[in-house]
Amino acid sequence: MTSIVAELKTAAQKRAAYTRTVHELQSMPLNTALDLGIFREDAAKIAKRAVYGH
């Protein structure tokens, strides 16, 4: 039972990190994003790779 709770907690933490990362990437000033080679449309894909490793 403890492992299920731990897995749920880890999943919730990862989801929060994913949501936060997407928000930060989408709210980044356009000039900064372009300087870093980041397109706002790719925010979800970048966040998924950063948080979940896919």
Protein backbone atom coordinates (compact mmCIF):
# COMPACT_ATOMS: atom_id res chain seq x y z
CA MET A 1 0.00 0.00 0.00
CA THR A 2 2.83 2.37 0.80
CA SER A 3 4.37 1.91 -2.63
CA ILE A 4 1.09 2.89 -4.31
CA VAL A 5 0.95 6.07 -2.25
CA ALA A 6 4.58 6.82 -3.08
CA GLU A 7 3.93 6.25 -6.79
CA LEU A 8 0.92 8.56 -6.72
CA LYS A 9 2.92 11.22 -4.92
CA THR A 10 5.75 10.94 -7.46
CA ALA A 11 3.27 11.12 -10.35
CA ALA A 12 1.63 14.23 -8.86
CA GLN A 13 5.02 15.90 -8.39
CA LYS A 14 5.99 15.15 -11.99
CA ARG A 15 2.67 16.46 -13.28
CA ALA A 16 3.14 19.67 -11.29
CA ALA A 17 6.67 20.06 -12.68
CA TYR A 18 5.36 19.43 -16.21
CA THR A 19 2.59 22.02 -15.84
CA ARG A 20 5.00 24.57 -14.35
CA THR A 21 7.55 23.99 -17.13
CA VAL A 22 4.94 24.37 -19.89
CA HIS A 23 3.73 27.61 -18.30
CA GLU A 24 7.26 29.00 -17.98
CA LEU A 25 8.14 28.14 -21.57
CA GLN A 26 4.92 29.64 -22.93
CA SER A 27 5.29 32.83 -20.90
CA MET A 28 8.96 33.35 -21.80
CA PRO A 29 9.58 36.57 -23.75
CA LEU A 30 9.64 35.86 -27.47
CA ASN A 31 13.17 37.24 -27.95
CA THR A 32 14.53 35.02 -25.18
CA ALA A 33 12.79 31.95 -26.55
CA LEU A 34 14.08 32.57 -30.05
CA ASP A 35 17.61 33.15 -28.75
CA LEU A 36 17.42 29.73 -27.07
CA GLY A 37 15.95 28.11 -30.17
CA ILE A 38 12.64 27.41 -28.42
CA PHE A 39 9.33 27.73 -30.21
CA ARG A 40 6.36 28.28 -27.92
CA GLU A 41 4.34 25.72 -29.87
CA ASP A 42 6.84 23.08 -28.72
CA ALA A 43 6.44 23.89 -25.00
CA ALA A 44 4.47 20.72 -24.18
CA LYS A 45 6.94 18.49 -26.04
CA ILE A 46 9.96 20.14 -24.38
CA ALA A 47 8.36 19.93 -20.92
CA LYS A 48 7.46 16.26 -21.41
CA ARG A 49 11.03 15.43 -22.38
CA ALA A 50 12.45 17.46 -19.47
CA VAL A 51 10.18 15.98 -16.80
CA TYR A 52 9.39 12.47 -18.00
CA GLY A 53 12.45 11.81 -20.14
CA HIS A 54 10.52 10.88 -23.30
